[in-house]
Amino acid sequence: MTIRKVEIERFSVISSKPFEAVVGAIEAAVGHPDMVEFAKATRGARTFAELESAVHRGLGRTGLMMFMKLDLGAILRRETGLDTPRIVRFVIGNPLIMKEMAKHVPEACSYAPVTILVDERPDGVHLTYDRMASLLAPYKNPAALAVARDLDSKIEALIQESG
């Protein structure tokens, strides 16, 4: 049994924009493939070129796609009967980027696709992201870290643009 300590760098932005505007901006920037059809297309791809094509069709202008959107605040709101808190977890990424990291560090698949958490607090709308490069740093693989840093740049640009 092995236990590895991972120090996480968390990128955070606090926005004064309305919650709906921040969520809408993220949703507008990423692709929204029908995940059932996406799974069929990628599983059914006979060549890597066909698989790449299926992935590219699902990407948004940021080169990323939405895998899932979870309304985590709904459970808290159900208990209180209030309209707040509002908390949304976006699970987004790009399978081709994940593949490039996983070629060098298979554990990268534990962290990809990534999470952007958006939550509303009294001081504004918080957008947070745990940097992929920090998650992969303990593996000391320069090739995987280069891909992770590029992914971090894409995600952080999306957060800054949306916030």
C-alpha atoms as a PDB file:
ATOM      1  CA  MET A   1       0.000   0.000   0.000  1.00  0.00           C
ATOM      2  CA  THR A   2       1.253   3.475  -0.897  1.00  0.00           C
ATOM      3  CA  ILE A   3       0.032   6.799   0.361  1.00  0.00           C
ATOM      4  CA  ARG A   4       1.189   9.901  -1.478  1.00  0.00           C
ATOM      5  CA  LYS A   5       0.780  13.389  -0.069  1.00  0.00           C
ATOM      6  CA  VAL A   6      -0.500  15.905  -2.603  1.00  0.00           C
ATOM      7  CA  GLU A   7      -0.381  19.632  -1.980  1.00  0.00           C
ATOM      8  CA  ILE A   8      -3.143  21.376  -3.899  1.00  0.00           C
ATOM      9  CA  GLU A   9      -3.010  24.852  -5.372  1.00  0.00           C
ATOM     10  CA  ARG A  10      -6.503  26.324  -5.484  1.00  0.00           C
ATOM     11  CA  PHE A  11      -7.181  29.100  -7.992  1.00  0.00           C
ATOM     12  CA  SER A  12     -10.013  31.393  -6.838  1.00  0.00           C
ATOM     13  CA  VAL A  13     -11.816  34.416  -8.184  1.00  0.00           C
ATOM     14  CA  ILE A  14     -14.541  36.406  -6.449  1.00  0.00           C
ATOM     15  CA  SER A  15     -16.940  38.058  -8.877  1.00  0.00           C
ATOM     16  CA  SER A  16     -19.395  40.877  -8.342  1.00  0.00           C
ATOM     17  CA  LYS A  17     -21.466  39.616 -11.289  1.00  0.00           C
ATOM     18  CA  PRO A  18     -24.805  37.944 -10.570  1.00  0.00           C
ATOM     19  CA  PHE A  19     -24.662  34.183 -10.006  1.00  0.00           C
ATOM     20  CA  GLU A  20     -26.772  33.506 -13.122  1.00  0.00           C
ATOM     21  CA  ALA A  21     -24.421  35.589 -15.286  1.00  0.00           C
ATOM     22  CA  VAL A  22     -21.347  33.696 -14.080  1.00  0.00           C
ATOM     23  CA  VAL A  23     -22.987  30.302 -14.576  1.00  0.00           C
ATOM     24  CA  GLY A  24     -24.282  31.375 -17.988  1.00  0.00           C
ATOM     25  CA  ALA A  25     -20.845  32.550 -19.098  1.00  0.00           C
ATOM     26  CA  ILE A  26     -19.251  29.216 -18.212  1.00  0.00           C
ATOM     27  CA  GLU A  27     -22.023  27.304 -19.945  1.00  0.00           C
ATOM     28  CA  ALA A  28     -21.687  29.454 -23.079  1.00  0.00           C
ATOM     29  CA  ALA A  29     -17.934  28.883 -23.315  1.00  0.00           C
ATOM     30  CA  VAL A  30     -17.896  25.083 -23.245  1.00  0.00           C
ATOM     31  CA  GLY A  31     -19.420  22.463 -25.508  1.00  0.00           C
ATOM     32  CA  HIS A  32     -22.516  20.524 -24.488  1.00  0.00           C
ATOM     33  CA  PRO A  33     -22.473  17.197 -26.281  1.00  0.00           C
ATOM     34  CA  ASP A  34     -25.297  14.763 -25.717  1.00  0.00           C
ATOM     35  CA  MET A  35     -23.281  12.461 -23.453  1.00  0.00           C
ATOM     36  CA  VAL A  36     -25.143   9.319 -24.513  1.00  0.00           C
ATOM     37  CA  GLU A  37     -24.418  10.064 -28.175  1.00  0.00           C
ATOM     38  CA  PHE A  38     -20.872  11.145 -27.323  1.00  0.00           C
ATOM     39  CA  ALA A  39     -20.223   7.819 -25.569  1.00  0.00           C
ATOM     40  CA  LYS A  40     -21.633   5.907 -28.548  1.00  0.00           C
ATOM     41  CA  ALA A  41     -19.498   7.885 -30.991  1.00  0.00           C
ATOM     42  CA  THR A  42     -16.274   7.476 -29.037  1.00  0.00           C
ATOM     43  CA  ARG A  43     -16.851   3.776 -28.287  1.00  0.00           C
ATOM     44  CA  GLY A  44     -17.821   3.144 -31.884  1.00  0.00           C
ATOM     45  CA  ALA A  45     -14.831   4.950 -33.379  1.00  0.00           C
ATOM     46  CA  ARG A  46     -12.809   2.507 -35.474  1.00  0.00           C
ATOM     47  CA  THR A  47      -9.749   4.768 -35.696  1.00  0.00           C
ATOM     48  CA  PHE A  48      -8.134   7.382 -33.524  1.00  0.00           C
ATOM     49  CA  ALA A  49      -9.022   9.989 -36.171  1.00  0.00           C
ATOM     50  CA  GLU A  50     -12.717   9.086 -35.806  1.00  0.00           C
ATOM     51  CA  LEU A  51     -12.421   9.362 -32.030  1.00  0.00           C
ATOM     52  CA  GLU A  52     -10.712  12.768 -32.337  1.00  0.00           C
ATOM     53  CA  SER A  53     -13.467  13.923 -34.650  1.00  0.00           C
ATOM     54  CA  ALA A  54     -16.141  12.881 -32.154  1.00  0.00           C
ATOM     55  CA  VAL A  55     -14.355  14.757 -29.378  1.00  0.00           C
ATOM     56  CA  HIS A  56     -13.865  17.892 -31.494  1.00  0.00           C
ATOM     57  CA  ARG A  57     -17.582  17.974 -32.343  1.00  0.00           C
ATOM     58  CA  GLY A  58     -18.339  18.176 -28.618  1.00  0.00           C
ATOM     59  CA  LEU A  59     -15.942  20.993 -27.748  1.00  0.00           C
ATOM     60  CA  GLY A  60     -16.861  24.630 -27.238  1.00  0.00           C
ATOM     61  CA  ARG A  61     -14.819  27.661 -28.248  1.00  0.00           C
ATOM     62  CA  THR A  62     -12.546  27.105 -25.233  1.00  0.00           C
ATOM     63  CA  GLY A  63     -11.596  23.615 -26.387  1.00  0.00           C
ATOM     64  CA  LEU A  64     -13.533  22.179 -23.442  1.00  0.00           C
ATOM     65  CA  MET A  65     -16.819  20.332 -22.964  1.00  0.00           C
ATOM     66  CA  MET A  66     -19.274  19.906 -20.119  1.00  0.00           C
ATOM     67  CA  PHE A  67     -19.510  16.390 -18.782  1.00  0.00           C
ATOM     68  CA  MET A  68     -21.863  17.229 -15.948  1.00  0.00           C
ATOM     69  CA  LYS A  69     -23.436  20.112 -14.061  1.00  0.00           C
ATOM     70  CA  LEU A  70     -24.394  19.403 -10.472  1.00  0.00           C
ATOM     71  CA  ASP A  71     -26.669  21.741  -8.515  1.00  0.00           C
ATOM     72  CA  LEU A  72     -25.205  21.033  -5.086  1.00  0.00           C
ATOM     73  CA  GLY A  73     -27.039  23.927  -3.470  1.00  0.00           C
ATOM     74  CA  ALA A  74     -30.392  22.273  -4.246  1.00  0.00           C
ATOM     75  CA  ILE A  75     -30.040  19.897  -1.316  1.00  0.00           C
ATOM     76  CA  LEU A  76     -29.253  22.716   1.089  1.00  0.00           C
ATOM     77  CA  ARG A  77     -32.118  24.824  -0.294  1.00  0.00           C
ATOM     78  CA  ARG A  78     -34.509  21.911   0.086  1.00  0.00           C
ATOM     79  CA  GLU A  79     -33.692  21.716   3.793  1.00  0.00           C
ATOM     80  CA  THR A  80     -34.082  25.445   4.450  1.00  0.00           C
ATOM     81  CA  GLY A  81     -36.847  26.264   1.977  1.00  0.00           C
ATOM     82  CA  LEU A  82     -34.850  29.357   0.942  1.00  0.00           C
ATOM     83  CA  ASP A  83     -33.591  30.439  -2.476  1.00  0.00           C
ATOM     84  CA  THR A  84     -29.999  30.260  -1.244  1.00  0.00           C
ATOM     85  CA  PRO A  85     -27.337  29.010  -1.115  1.00  0.00           C
ATOM     86  CA  ARG A  86     -26.604  28.568  -4.778  1.00  0.00           C
ATOM     87  CA  ILE A  87     -23.716  26.200  -5.481  1.00  0.00           C
ATOM     88  CA  VAL A  88     -22.969  24.581  -8.826  1.00  0.00           C
ATOM     89  CA  ARG A  89     -20.208  22.136  -9.658  1.00  0.00           C
ATOM     90  CA  PHE A  90     -19.178  21.977 -13.304  1.00  0.00           C
ATOM     91  CA  VAL A  91     -17.298  18.881 -14.433  1.00  0.00           C
ATOM     92  CA  ILE A  92     -15.551  19.933 -17.630  1.00  0.00           C
ATOM     93  CA  GLY A  93     -12.578  18.954 -19.723  1.00  0.00           C
ATOM     94  CA  ASN A  94     -11.325  17.531 -22.965  1.00  0.00           C
ATOM     95  CA  PRO A  95     -10.675  13.783 -23.339  1.00  0.00           C
ATOM     96  CA  LEU A  96      -7.748  14.441 -25.680  1.00  0.00           C
ATOM     97  CA  ILE A  97      -6.011  16.586 -23.063  1.00  0.00           C
ATOM     98  CA  MET A  98      -6.651  13.915 -20.435  1.00  0.00           C
ATOM     99  CA  LYS A  99      -5.157  11.310 -22.763  1.00  0.00           C
ATOM    100  CA  GLU A 100      -1.959  13.314 -23.116  1.00  0.00           C
ATOM    101  CA  MET A 101      -1.522  13.545 -19.342  1.00  0.00           C
ATOM    102  CA  ALA A 102      -2.463   9.898 -18.775  1.00  0.00           C
ATOM    103  CA  LYS A 103       0.158   8.689 -21.278  1.00  0.00           C
ATOM    104  CA  HIS A 104       2.770   9.884 -18.805  1.00  0.00           C
ATOM    105  CA  VAL A 105       0.935   9.699 -15.465  1.00  0.00           C
ATOM    106  CA  PRO A 106      -2.055   7.320 -15.399  1.00  0.00           C
ATOM    107  CA  GLU A 107      -3.174   8.850 -12.082  1.00  0.00           C
ATOM    108  CA  ALA A 108      -4.111  11.986 -14.032  1.00  0.00           C
ATOM    109  CA  CYS A 109      -7.344  10.153 -14.822  1.00  0.00           C
ATOM    110  CA  SER A 110      -8.270  10.511 -11.147  1.00  0.00           C
ATOM    111  CA  TYR A 111      -8.413  14.279 -11.601  1.00  0.00           C
ATOM    112  CA  ALA A 112      -9.753  14.720 -15.120  1.00  0.00           C
ATOM    113  CA  PRO A 113     -12.233  15.953 -16.108  1.00  0.00           C
ATOM    114  CA  VAL A 114     -11.819  18.865 -13.726  1.00  0.00           C
ATOM    115  CA  THR A 115     -14.181  20.711 -11.407  1.00  0.00           C
ATOM    116  CA  ILE A 116     -15.046  24.382 -11.387  1.00  0.00           C
ATOM    117  CA  LEU A 117     -17.094  25.198  -8.317  1.00  0.00           C
ATOM    118  CA  VAL A 118     -19.307  28.285  -8.415  1.00  0.00           C
ATOM    119  CA  ASP A 119     -20.944  29.365  -5.191  1.00  0.00           C
ATOM    120  CA  GLU A 120     -22.723  32.482  -4.034  1.00  0.00           C
ATOM    121  CA  ARG A 121     -21.668  34.091  -0.751  1.00  0.00           C
ATOM    122  CA  PRO A 122     -22.312  37.462   0.878  1.00  0.00           C
ATOM    123  CA  ASP A 123     -19.085  38.892  -0.595  1.00  0.00           C
ATOM    124  CA  GLY A 124     -19.793  37.741  -4.174  1.00  0.00           C
ATOM    125  CA  VAL A 125     -19.777  34.732  -6.441  1.00  0.00           C
ATOM    126  CA  HIS A 126     -16.769  32.494  -5.807  1.00  0.00           C
ATOM    127  CA  LEU A 127     -15.234  30.466  -8.638  1.00  0.00           C
ATOM    128  CA  THR A 128     -12.671  27.880  -7.555  1.00  0.00           C
ATOM    129  CA  TYR A 129     -10.484  25.371  -9.344  1.00  0.00           C
ATOM    130  CA  ASP A 130      -7.800  22.996  -8.062  1.00  0.00           C
ATOM    131  CA  ARG A 131      -4.850  23.290 -10.416  1.00  0.00           C
ATOM    132  CA  MET A 132      -4.085  20.115 -12.323  1.00  0.00           C
ATOM    133  CA  ALA A 133      -0.352  20.847 -12.272  1.00  0.00           C
ATOM    134  CA  SER A 134      -0.387  20.838  -8.475  1.00  0.00           C
ATOM    135  CA  LEU A 135      -2.203  17.491  -8.454  1.00  0.00           C
ATOM    136  CA  LEU A 136       0.355  15.961 -10.814  1.00  0.00           C
ATOM    137  CA  ALA A 137       3.454  17.626  -9.317  1.00  0.00           C
ATOM    138  CA  PRO A 138       4.259  14.705  -6.963  1.00  0.00           C
ATOM    139  CA  TYR A 139       4.727  12.418  -9.980  1.00  0.00           C
ATOM    140  CA  LYS A 140       7.576  14.622 -11.278  1.00  0.00           C
ATOM    141  CA  ASN A 141       6.831  13.976 -14.946  1.00  0.00           C
ATOM    142  CA  PRO A 142       7.756  17.017 -17.070  1.00  0.00           C
ATOM    143  CA  ALA A 143       5.624  15.972 -20.057  1.00  0.00           C
ATOM    144  CA  ALA A 144       2.467  15.481 -17.972  1.00  0.00           C
ATOM    145  CA  LEU A 145       3.131  18.713 -16.092  1.00  0.00           C
ATOM    146  CA  ALA A 146       3.421  20.666 -19.344  1.00  0.00           C
ATOM    147  CA  VAL A 147       0.011  19.390 -20.468  1.00  0.00           C
ATOM    148  CA  ALA A 148      -1.437  20.071 -16.998  1.00  0.00           C
ATOM    149  CA  ARG A 149      -0.133  23.655 -16.999  1.00  0.00           C
ATOM    150  CA  ASP A 150      -1.711  24.243 -20.401  1.00  0.00           C
ATOM    151  CA  LEU A 151      -5.018  22.875 -19.097  1.00  0.00           C
ATOM    152  CA  ASP A 152      -4.710  25.092 -16.007  1.00  0.00           C
ATOM    153  CA  SER A 153      -4.262  28.103 -18.300  1.00  0.00           C
ATOM    154  CA  LYS A 154      -7.430  27.224 -20.239  1.00  0.00           C
ATOM    155  CA  ILE A 155      -9.491  26.721 -17.088  1.00  0.00           C
ATOM    156  CA  GLU A 156      -8.162  29.831 -15.371  1.00  0.00           C
ATOM    157  CA  ALA A 157      -8.824  31.954 -18.474  1.00  0.00           C
ATOM    158  CA  LEU A 158     -12.400  30.594 -18.543  1.00  0.00           C
ATOM    159  CA  ILE A 159     -12.861  31.450 -14.856  1.00  0.00           C
ATOM    160  CA  GLN A 160     -11.465  34.962 -15.240  1.00  0.00           C
ATOM    161  CA  GLU A 161     -13.558  35.603 -18.332  1.00  0.00           C
ATOM    162  CA  SER A 162     -16.722  34.265 -16.668  1.00  0.00           C
ATOM    163  CA  GLY A 163     -16.203  36.001 -13.340  1.00  0.00           C
END
